Amino acid sequence: MRTAISIIEGTMSVISTVMDLCSLAQDYAHQACQSPLSSALSGLVIAELKQLLRIFQNHMRTALKIVQSSEDNKVMVQFH
């Protein structure tokens, strides 16, 4: 489970970095050409990435709960 948490953390970091890069690209697109299409597309990409980040954050919370539960069970078994 700890490996899964590590993978989720890494994935969230990658998504966050890609979101930052999309924001930079969007800023550049606004400066280079005022195309509403490129701006709308960038906005959609960022919205999708934010949704993915929320999904992975939920996975992280679930994985942490499972780890905590398994550690609690381990302690209970050791004392019986």
N, C-alpha and C. Protein backbone atom coordinates (compact mmCIF):
# COMPACT_ATOMS: atom_id res chain seq x y z
N MET A 1 0.82 -1.19 0.00
CA MET A 1 0.00 0.00 0.00
C MET A 1 0.87 1.26 0.00
N ARG A 2 1.97 1.19 0.69
CA ARG A 2 2.86 2.36 0.71
C ARG A 2 3.41 2.65 -0.69
N THR A 3 3.62 1.61 -1.48
CA THR A 3 4.06 1.80 -2.86
C THR A 3 2.99 2.52 -3.65
N ALA A 4 1.73 2.14 -3.43
CA ALA A 4 0.62 2.79 -4.12
C ALA A 4 0.57 4.27 -3.74
N ILE A 5 0.77 4.57 -2.49
CA ILE A 5 0.77 5.97 -2.04
C ILE A 5 1.89 6.74 -2.73
N SER A 6 3.05 6.13 -2.82
CA SER A 6 4.18 6.78 -3.48
C SER A 6 3.87 7.05 -4.95
N ILE A 7 3.24 6.10 -5.61
CA ILE A 7 2.87 6.27 -7.02
C ILE A 7 1.85 7.39 -7.16
N ILE A 8 0.87 7.42 -6.28
CA ILE A 8 -0.15 8.46 -6.34
C ILE A 8 0.48 9.83 -6.12
N GLU A 9 1.37 9.93 -5.14
CA GLU A 9 2.05 11.21 -4.89
C GLU A 9 2.82 11.67 -6.12
N GLY A 10 3.55 10.74 -6.74
CA GLY A 10 4.32 11.06 -7.94
C GLY A 10 3.42 11.51 -9.08
N THR A 11 2.29 10.84 -9.24
CA THR A 11 1.36 11.19 -10.30
C THR A 11 0.77 12.58 -10.06
N MET A 12 0.42 12.88 -8.80
CA MET A 12 -0.12 14.20 -8.49
C MET A 12 0.92 15.28 -8.77
N SER A 13 2.17 14.98 -8.49
CA SER A 13 3.24 15.94 -8.76
C SER A 13 3.37 16.19 -10.26
N VAL A 14 3.29 15.13 -11.05
CA VAL A 14 3.39 15.28 -12.51
C VAL A 14 2.22 16.11 -13.03
N ILE A 15 1.00 15.81 -12.55
CA ILE A 15 -0.17 16.56 -13.00
C ILE A 15 -0.03 18.03 -12.63
N SER A 16 0.47 18.29 -11.44
CA SER A 16 0.66 19.67 -11.00
C SER A 16 1.66 20.40 -11.91
N THR A 17 2.74 19.72 -12.26
CA THR A 17 3.74 20.31 -13.15
C THR A 17 3.15 20.58 -14.53
N VAL A 18 2.37 19.65 -15.04
CA VAL A 18 1.75 19.83 -16.35
C VAL A 18 0.77 21.00 -16.30
N MET A 19 0.04 21.14 -15.19
CA MET A 19 -0.87 22.27 -15.05
C MET A 19 -0.10 23.59 -15.08
N ASP A 20 1.04 23.64 -14.39
CA ASP A 20 1.87 24.84 -14.42
C ASP A 20 2.34 25.16 -15.83
N LEU A 21 2.76 24.11 -16.56
CA LEU A 21 3.20 24.32 -17.94
C LEU A 21 2.06 24.79 -18.83
N CYS A 22 0.87 24.26 -18.61
CA CYS A 22 -0.30 24.70 -19.38
C CYS A 22 -0.60 26.17 -19.10
N SER A 23 -0.47 26.56 -17.86
CA SER A 23 -0.70 27.97 -17.52
C SER A 23 0.31 28.86 -18.22
N LEU A 24 1.58 28.44 -18.23
CA LEU A 24 2.60 29.21 -18.93
C LEU A 24 2.30 29.28 -20.43
N ALA A 25 1.89 28.15 -21.00
CA ALA A 25 1.55 28.12 -22.43
C ALA A 25 0.36 29.02 -22.72
N GLN A 26 -0.61 29.02 -21.80
CA GLN A 26 -1.78 29.87 -21.98
C GLN A 26 -1.38 31.34 -21.93
N ASP A 27 -0.52 31.69 -21.00
CA ASP A 27 -0.04 33.07 -20.92
C ASP A 27 0.69 33.47 -22.20
N TYR A 28 1.52 32.55 -22.69
CA TYR A 28 2.26 32.82 -23.94
C TYR A 28 1.29 32.99 -25.10
N ALA A 29 0.27 32.12 -25.16
CA ALA A 29 -0.70 32.19 -26.25
C ALA A 29 -1.44 33.53 -26.22
N HIS A 30 -1.73 34.02 -25.03
CA HIS A 30 -2.40 35.31 -24.93
C HIS A 30 -1.51 36.43 -25.44
N GLN A 31 -0.23 36.33 -25.17
CA GLN A 31 0.70 37.37 -25.61
C GLN A 31 1.01 37.26 -27.09
N ALA A 32 1.15 36.03 -27.59
CA ALA A 32 1.55 35.82 -28.98
C ALA A 32 0.39 36.09 -29.96
N CYS A 33 -0.75 35.53 -29.66
CA CYS A 33 -1.91 35.75 -30.51
C CYS A 33 -3.16 35.68 -29.65
N GLN A 34 -4.07 36.51 -29.92
CA GLN A 34 -5.27 36.60 -29.10
C GLN A 34 -6.38 35.68 -29.64
N SER A 35 -6.01 34.46 -29.97
CA SER A 35 -6.99 33.51 -30.51
C SER A 35 -7.89 32.99 -29.40
N PRO A 36 -9.20 33.21 -29.51
CA PRO A 36 -10.11 32.70 -28.48
C PRO A 36 -10.13 31.18 -28.44
N LEU A 37 -9.88 30.55 -29.59
CA LEU A 37 -9.87 29.09 -29.64
C LEU A 37 -8.73 28.52 -28.81
N SER A 38 -7.52 29.07 -28.96
CA SER A 38 -6.39 28.55 -28.19
C SER A 38 -6.59 28.81 -26.71
N SER A 39 -7.19 29.92 -26.36
CA SER A 39 -7.47 30.24 -24.96
C SER A 39 -8.50 29.27 -24.38
N ALA A 40 -9.54 28.99 -25.14
CA ALA A 40 -10.58 28.06 -24.69
C ALA A 40 -10.02 26.66 -24.53
N LEU A 41 -9.19 26.25 -25.49
CA LEU A 41 -8.58 24.93 -25.43
C LEU A 41 -7.67 24.80 -24.22
N SER A 42 -6.87 25.81 -23.95
CA SER A 42 -6.01 25.79 -22.78
C SER A 42 -6.84 25.70 -21.51
N GLY A 43 -7.93 26.44 -21.46
CA GLY A 43 -8.81 26.39 -20.30
C GLY A 43 -9.39 25.02 -20.08
N LEU A 44 -9.77 24.34 -21.17
CA LEU A 44 -10.30 22.98 -21.06
C LEU A 44 -9.24 22.00 -20.55
N VAL A 45 -8.02 22.13 -21.07
CA VAL A 45 -6.94 21.25 -20.64
C VAL A 45 -6.68 21.44 -19.15
N ILE A 46 -6.62 22.68 -18.70
CA ILE A 46 -6.38 22.96 -17.29
C ILE A 46 -7.52 22.42 -16.44
N ALA A 47 -8.75 22.58 -16.88
CA ALA A 47 -9.90 22.06 -16.14
C ALA A 47 -9.83 20.54 -16.01
N GLU A 48 -9.46 19.86 -17.09
CA GLU A 48 -9.34 18.40 -17.05
C GLU A 48 -8.22 17.97 -16.10
N LEU A 49 -7.10 18.68 -16.15
CA LEU A 49 -5.99 18.35 -15.27
C LEU A 49 -6.37 18.57 -13.80
N LYS A 50 -7.10 19.62 -13.53
CA LYS A 50 -7.56 19.87 -12.16
C LYS A 50 -8.48 18.74 -11.69
N GLN A 51 -9.33 18.26 -12.59
CA GLN A 51 -10.22 17.14 -12.25
C GLN A 51 -9.40 15.89 -11.97
N LEU A 52 -8.40 15.62 -12.80
CA LEU A 52 -7.52 14.47 -12.55
C LEU A 52 -6.82 14.59 -11.20
N LEU A 53 -6.37 15.77 -10.88
CA LEU A 53 -5.70 15.99 -9.61
C LEU A 53 -6.65 15.71 -8.45
N ARG A 54 -7.90 16.15 -8.55
CA ARG A 54 -8.88 15.87 -7.49
C ARG A 54 -9.12 14.36 -7.36
N ILE A 55 -9.17 13.66 -8.48
CA ILE A 55 -9.36 12.21 -8.45
C ILE A 55 -8.20 11.55 -7.71
N PHE A 56 -6.97 11.95 -8.05
CA PHE A 56 -5.81 11.35 -7.39
C PHE A 56 -5.73 11.74 -5.92
N GLN A 57 -6.18 12.93 -5.58
CA GLN A 57 -6.21 13.31 -4.17
C GLN A 57 -7.19 12.43 -3.40
N ASN A 58 -8.32 12.10 -4.02
CA ASN A 58 -9.27 11.17 -3.39
C ASN A 58 -8.66 9.78 -3.24
N HIS A 59 -7.94 9.32 -4.26
CA HIS A 59 -7.26 8.02 -4.17
C HIS A 59 -6.25 8.04 -3.03
N MET A 60 -5.55 9.16 -2.87
CA MET A 60 -4.55 9.28 -1.82
C MET A 60 -5.22 9.19 -0.45
N ARG A 61 -6.31 9.90 -0.26
CA ARG A 61 -7.02 9.83 1.03
C ARG A 61 -7.47 8.41 1.32
N THR A 62 -8.00 7.73 0.31
CA THR A 62 -8.45 6.35 0.49
C THR A 62 -7.28 5.44 0.85
N ALA A 63 -6.17 5.57 0.14
CA ALA A 63 -4.99 4.74 0.42
C ALA A 63 -4.47 5.00 1.83
N LEU A 64 -4.45 6.25 2.26
CA LEU A 64 -3.98 6.57 3.61
C LEU A 64 -4.91 5.97 4.66
N LYS A 65 -6.22 5.98 4.41
CA LYS A 65 -7.16 5.37 5.34
C LYS A 65 -6.93 3.87 5.44
N ILE A 66 -6.68 3.23 4.30
CA ILE A 66 -6.42 1.78 4.30
C ILE A 66 -5.15 1.47 5.06
N VAL A 67 -4.10 2.26 4.84
CA VAL A 67 -2.85 2.04 5.56
C VAL A 67 -3.07 2.20 7.06
N GLN A 68 -3.78 3.25 7.46
CA GLN A 68 -4.03 3.47 8.88
C GLN A 68 -4.84 2.32 9.48
N SER A 69 -5.85 1.87 8.74
CA SER A 69 -6.68 0.76 9.21
C SER A 69 -5.85 -0.52 9.36
N SER A 70 -4.98 -0.79 8.40
CA SER A 70 -4.15 -2.00 8.49
C SER A 70 -3.16 -1.90 9.64
N GLU A 71 -2.65 -0.69 9.91
CA GLU A 71 -1.75 -0.51 11.04
C GLU A 71 -2.50 -0.68 12.36
N ASP A 72 -3.73 -0.18 12.42
CA ASP A 72 -4.55 -0.37 13.62
C ASP A 72 -4.83 -1.85 13.86
N ASN A 73 -5.15 -2.57 12.78
CA ASN A 73 -5.39 -4.01 12.89
C ASN A 73 -4.14 -4.75 13.35
N LYS A 74 -2.99 -4.34 12.85
CA LYS A 74 -1.72 -4.97 13.23
C LYS A 74 -1.48 -4.80 14.72
N VAL A 75 -1.74 -3.61 15.23
CA VAL A 75 -1.55 -3.34 16.67
C VAL A 75 -2.52 -4.19 17.49
N MET A 76 -3.77 -4.29 17.04
CA MET A 76 -4.76 -5.11 17.77
C MET A 76 -4.35 -6.57 17.82
N VAL A 77 -3.84 -7.07 16.71
CA VAL A 77 -3.44 -8.49 16.65
C VAL A 77 -2.23 -8.73 17.54
N GLN A 78 -1.32 -7.80 17.60
CA GLN A 78 -0.10 -7.97 18.40
C GLN A 78 -0.42 -8.03 19.89
N PHE A 79 -1.45 -7.35 20.32
CA PHE A 79 -1.79 -7.31 21.75
C PHE A 79 -2.72 -8.41 22.18
N HIS A 80 -3.15 -9.26 21.27
CA HIS A 80 -4.03 -10.38 21.65
C HIS A 80 -3.27 -11.66 21.72
